[in-house]
Protein backbone atom coordinates (compact mmCIF):
# COMPACT_ATOMS: atom_id res chain seq x y z
CA MET A 1 20.01 -100.75 -8.01
CA THR A 2 16.25 -100.59 -7.44
CA MET A 3 14.58 -102.09 -4.46
CA ASN A 4 11.59 -104.37 -4.94
CA TYR A 5 9.06 -103.81 -2.23
CA SER A 6 6.27 -105.80 -3.85
CA TRP A 7 6.40 -108.26 -0.93
CA VAL A 8 5.31 -105.52 1.52
CA ARG A 9 1.54 -105.33 1.83
CA ARG A 10 -0.18 -102.06 1.36
CA GLU A 11 -1.83 -102.39 4.74
CA THR A 12 1.65 -102.68 6.42
CA LEU A 13 2.87 -99.54 4.61
CA ALA A 14 -0.26 -97.64 5.56
CA ALA A 15 0.14 -98.69 9.23
CA LEU A 16 3.80 -97.74 9.18
CA TYR A 17 2.90 -94.31 7.66
CA ASP A 18 0.22 -93.70 10.32
CA GLU A 19 2.67 -94.56 13.04
CA GLN A 20 5.18 -92.22 11.57
CA LYS A 21 2.66 -89.39 11.58
CA LYS A 22 1.81 -90.09 15.20
CA LEU A 23 5.45 -90.03 16.26
CA ARG A 24 6.03 -86.79 14.38
CA ALA A 25 3.07 -85.18 16.15
CA GLU A 26 4.37 -86.34 19.55
CA ILE A 27 7.81 -84.85 18.67
CA ASP A 28 6.25 -81.59 17.63
CA ASP A 29 4.31 -81.50 20.95
CA LEU A 30 7.58 -82.03 22.87
CA LYS A 31 9.16 -79.15 21.01
CA LYS A 32 6.48 -76.67 22.19
CA PRO A 33 7.48 -74.40 25.10
CA ILE A 34 5.81 -74.90 28.49
CA PRO A 35 3.30 -72.12 28.81
CA SER A 36 4.43 -69.73 31.65
CA ALA A 37 1.00 -69.95 33.23
CA ASP A 38 1.50 -73.69 33.90
CA LEU A 39 5.09 -73.16 35.10
CA SER A 40 3.90 -70.24 37.28
CA ALA A 41 1.28 -72.41 38.92
CA ILE A 42 3.78 -75.24 39.64
CA VAL A 43 6.37 -72.75 41.09
CA SER A 44 3.72 -70.93 43.07
CA GLU A 45 2.48 -74.19 44.62
CA TYR A 46 6.01 -75.13 45.58
CA LEU A 47 6.76 -71.73 47.07
CA GLN A 48 3.64 -71.67 49.14
CA ALA A 49 4.17 -75.21 50.41
CA HIS A 50 7.64 -74.30 51.71
CA GLY A 51 6.75 -70.88 53.14
CA TYR A 52 8.43 -68.60 50.53
CA GLU A 53 6.95 -65.30 49.51
CA GLY A 54 8.44 -64.93 46.03
CA LEU A 55 11.51 -65.30 43.75
CA TYR A 56 14.56 -63.16 43.33
CA GLN A 57 17.79 -62.93 41.45
CA ALA A 58 20.36 -61.04 43.58
CA GLY A 59 20.86 -57.51 42.29
CA GLU A 60 18.63 -58.21 39.30
CA CYS A 61 14.91 -58.62 39.93
CA ALA A 62 12.28 -60.10 42.11
CA CYS A 63 8.63 -61.13 42.03
CA LEU A 64 5.95 -61.87 44.54
CA LEU A 65 3.81 -64.96 44.70
CA ASP A 66 0.78 -63.11 43.39
CA GLY A 67 2.70 -61.94 40.33
CA LEU A 68 5.35 -64.46 39.39
CA PHE A 69 7.33 -63.96 36.19
CA PRO A 70 6.16 -60.49 35.14
CA CYS A 71 9.19 -60.54 32.92
CA ASP A 72 7.72 -63.65 31.07
CA CYS A 73 11.22 -65.04 31.37
CA PRO A 74 11.50 -67.59 34.25
CA GLY A 75 15.22 -67.81 34.75
CA LEU A 76 17.44 -70.64 35.97
CA ASP A 77 18.96 -68.14 38.42
CA CYS A 78 15.68 -67.37 40.21
CA LYS A 79 15.83 -68.39 43.86
CA PRO A 80 12.99 -68.74 46.40
CA GLY A 81 12.95 -66.04 48.97
CA TYR A 82 11.14 -63.93 51.50
CA LEU A 83 9.75 -60.47 51.50
CA GLU A 84 12.45 -58.31 53.15
CA SER A 85 10.94 -54.93 52.56
CA ASP A 86 7.82 -53.36 50.99
CA ASP A 87 6.92 -49.68 50.90
CA GLY A 88 3.37 -50.37 49.84
CA ARG A 89 3.79 -48.54 46.53
CA GLY A 90 4.97 -51.44 44.54
CA ASN A 91 8.59 -51.29 45.63
CA PHE A 92 9.65 -54.36 47.44
CA ARG A 93 12.68 -56.54 48.03
CA ILE A 94 12.71 -60.34 48.00
CA GLY A 95 15.84 -62.05 49.51
CA PRO A 96 17.11 -65.06 51.29
CA ASP A 97 16.43 -63.76 54.79
CA ARG A 98 13.02 -63.88 56.48
CA LYS A 99 12.15 -60.56 58.28
């Protein structure tokens, strides 16, 4: 069984094709990962606004405001925290308690 589309105007088909291309481009944009620099700026603004000094994952890792996400892997388990200790040589601890 063949379909007869002769009743559809070429302009209509062209408009539908253009709309389909636009929608596909929008879908492709939505699939792109959020650049970590943008995410870092958003998280940094939030942390500063609420008085936090960095992020931490208990027993895993931590990062300070001036160097968020050195791992390039912002995790769902990252929690806002405060600087609990710093030896001045790059060894620091971020945790839930303000010192």
